[in-house]
Amino acid sequence: MPDGGFDADLHGDAGDGEGVDTHVAQGDIEWCRREYDLTEEGWSLVPVLTALYEWGQKRADRAGITLP
């Protein structure tokens, strides 16, 4: 794992450009505002995340739990 750790790898800050999201600093100070977008690799996770969400909804329904 690169020196930046897991978070750097997810955000593409690891230097390999292979993260799941990208960001662009807005303004002179990097931390003032960032815009995020998913990379192609990140968008490839949408079906997986959708399936997990739907599973969670069905599980909550079976358990009688109301989700917000």
C-alpha atoms as a PDB file:
ATOM      1  CA  MET A   1       0.000   0.000   0.000  1.00  0.00           C
ATOM      2  CA  PRO A   2       1.350   3.476  -0.808  1.00  0.00           C
ATOM      3  CA  ASP A   3       2.553   5.869   1.894  1.00  0.00           C
ATOM      4  CA  GLY A   4      -0.756   7.776   1.732  1.00  0.00           C
ATOM      5  CA  GLY A   5      -2.621   4.689   2.945  1.00  0.00           C
ATOM      6  CA  PHE A   6      -6.082   3.461   2.095  1.00  0.00           C
ATOM      7  CA  ASP A   7      -7.634   6.929   1.790  1.00  0.00           C
ATOM      8  CA  ALA A   8      -5.003   8.105  -0.675  1.00  0.00           C
ATOM      9  CA  ASP A   9      -5.543   4.964  -2.737  1.00  0.00           C
ATOM     10  CA  LEU A  10      -9.319   5.515  -2.873  1.00  0.00           C
ATOM     11  CA  HIS A  11      -8.947   9.139  -3.911  1.00  0.00           C
ATOM     12  CA  GLY A  12      -6.280   8.542  -6.513  1.00  0.00           C
ATOM     13  CA  ASP A  13      -3.734  10.488  -4.424  1.00  0.00           C
ATOM     14  CA  ALA A  14      -1.381   7.507  -4.348  1.00  0.00           C
ATOM     15  CA  GLY A  15       0.322   8.704  -7.513  1.00  0.00           C
ATOM     16  CA  ASP A  16      -0.967   5.920  -9.731  1.00  0.00           C
ATOM     17  CA  GLY A  17      -4.143   7.719 -10.914  1.00  0.00           C
ATOM     18  CA  GLU A  18      -6.181   4.582 -10.249  1.00  0.00           C
ATOM     19  CA  GLY A  19      -8.450   5.748  -7.419  1.00  0.00           C
ATOM     20  CA  VAL A  20     -12.229   5.586  -7.379  1.00  0.00           C
ATOM     21  CA  ASP A  21     -12.727   9.341  -7.184  1.00  0.00           C
ATOM     22  CA  THR A  22     -10.980  12.544  -8.187  1.00  0.00           C
ATOM     23  CA  HIS A  23     -11.043  16.027  -6.723  1.00  0.00           C
ATOM     24  CA  VAL A  24     -10.229  19.541  -7.819  1.00  0.00           C
ATOM     25  CA  ALA A  25      -9.420  22.287  -5.307  1.00  0.00           C
ATOM     26  CA  GLN A  26     -11.514  25.424  -5.745  1.00  0.00           C
ATOM     27  CA  GLY A  27      -9.806  28.665  -4.758  1.00  0.00           C
ATOM     28  CA  ASP A  28      -6.332  29.514  -3.533  1.00  0.00           C
ATOM     29  CA  ILE A  29      -6.516  27.422  -0.378  1.00  0.00           C
ATOM     30  CA  GLU A  30      -6.814  23.716  -1.156  1.00  0.00           C
ATOM     31  CA  TRP A  31      -9.062  22.942   1.803  1.00  0.00           C
ATOM     32  CA  CYS A  32     -11.589  25.721   1.179  1.00  0.00           C
ATOM     33  CA  ARG A  33     -13.724  23.713  -1.255  1.00  0.00           C
ATOM     34  CA  ARG A  34     -13.317  20.566  -3.303  1.00  0.00           C
ATOM     35  CA  GLU A  35     -15.411  19.082  -6.050  1.00  0.00           C
ATOM     36  CA  TYR A  36     -15.445  15.305  -6.274  1.00  0.00           C
ATOM     37  CA  ASP A  37     -16.294  13.011  -9.146  1.00  0.00           C
ATOM     38  CA  LEU A  38     -15.962   9.277  -9.624  1.00  0.00           C
ATOM     39  CA  THR A  39     -13.331   7.849 -11.908  1.00  0.00           C
ATOM     40  CA  GLU A  40     -14.223   5.110 -14.381  1.00  0.00           C
ATOM     41  CA  GLU A  41     -13.081   2.633 -11.715  1.00  0.00           C
ATOM     42  CA  GLY A  42     -15.378   4.284  -9.175  1.00  0.00           C
ATOM     43  CA  TRP A  43     -18.378   4.204 -11.510  1.00  0.00           C
ATOM     44  CA  SER A  44     -17.770   0.481 -11.996  1.00  0.00           C
ATOM     45  CA  LEU A  45     -18.741   0.026  -8.309  1.00  0.00           C
ATOM     46  CA  VAL A  46     -22.274   1.412  -8.805  1.00  0.00           C
ATOM     47  CA  PRO A  47     -23.891  -2.002  -9.540  1.00  0.00           C
ATOM     48  CA  VAL A  48     -22.217  -3.515  -6.471  1.00  0.00           C
ATOM     49  CA  LEU A  49     -23.303  -0.663  -4.190  1.00  0.00           C
ATOM     50  CA  THR A  50     -26.823  -0.752  -5.626  1.00  0.00           C
ATOM     51  CA  ALA A  51     -27.069  -4.486  -4.927  1.00  0.00           C
ATOM     52  CA  LEU A  52     -25.888  -3.933  -1.327  1.00  0.00           C
ATOM     53  CA  TYR A  53     -28.426  -1.141  -0.858  1.00  0.00           C
ATOM     54  CA  GLU A  54     -31.267  -3.272  -2.196  1.00  0.00           C
ATOM     55  CA  TRP A  55     -30.200  -6.193   0.015  1.00  0.00           C
ATOM     56  CA  GLY A  56     -30.199  -3.889   3.040  1.00  0.00           C
ATOM     57  CA  GLN A  57     -33.667  -2.585   2.199  1.00  0.00           C
ATOM     58  CA  LYS A  58     -35.068  -6.122   1.904  1.00  0.00           C
ATOM     59  CA  ARG A  59     -33.336  -7.167   5.139  1.00  0.00           C
ATOM     60  CA  ALA A  60     -34.787  -4.158   6.951  1.00  0.00           C
ATOM     61  CA  ASP A  61     -38.272  -4.980   5.635  1.00  0.00           C
ATOM     62  CA  ARG A  62     -37.988  -8.584   6.859  1.00  0.00           C
ATOM     63  CA  ALA A  63     -36.800  -7.384  10.268  1.00  0.00           C
ATOM     64  CA  GLY A  64     -39.516  -4.744  10.523  1.00  0.00           C
ATOM     65  CA  ILE A  65     -37.002  -1.903  10.575  1.00  0.00           C
ATOM     66  CA  THR A  66     -37.902   1.417   8.972  1.00  0.00           C
ATOM     67  CA  LEU A  67     -34.964   3.094   7.315  1.00  0.00           C
ATOM     68  CA  PRO A  68     -34.881   6.856   6.679  1.00  0.00           C
END
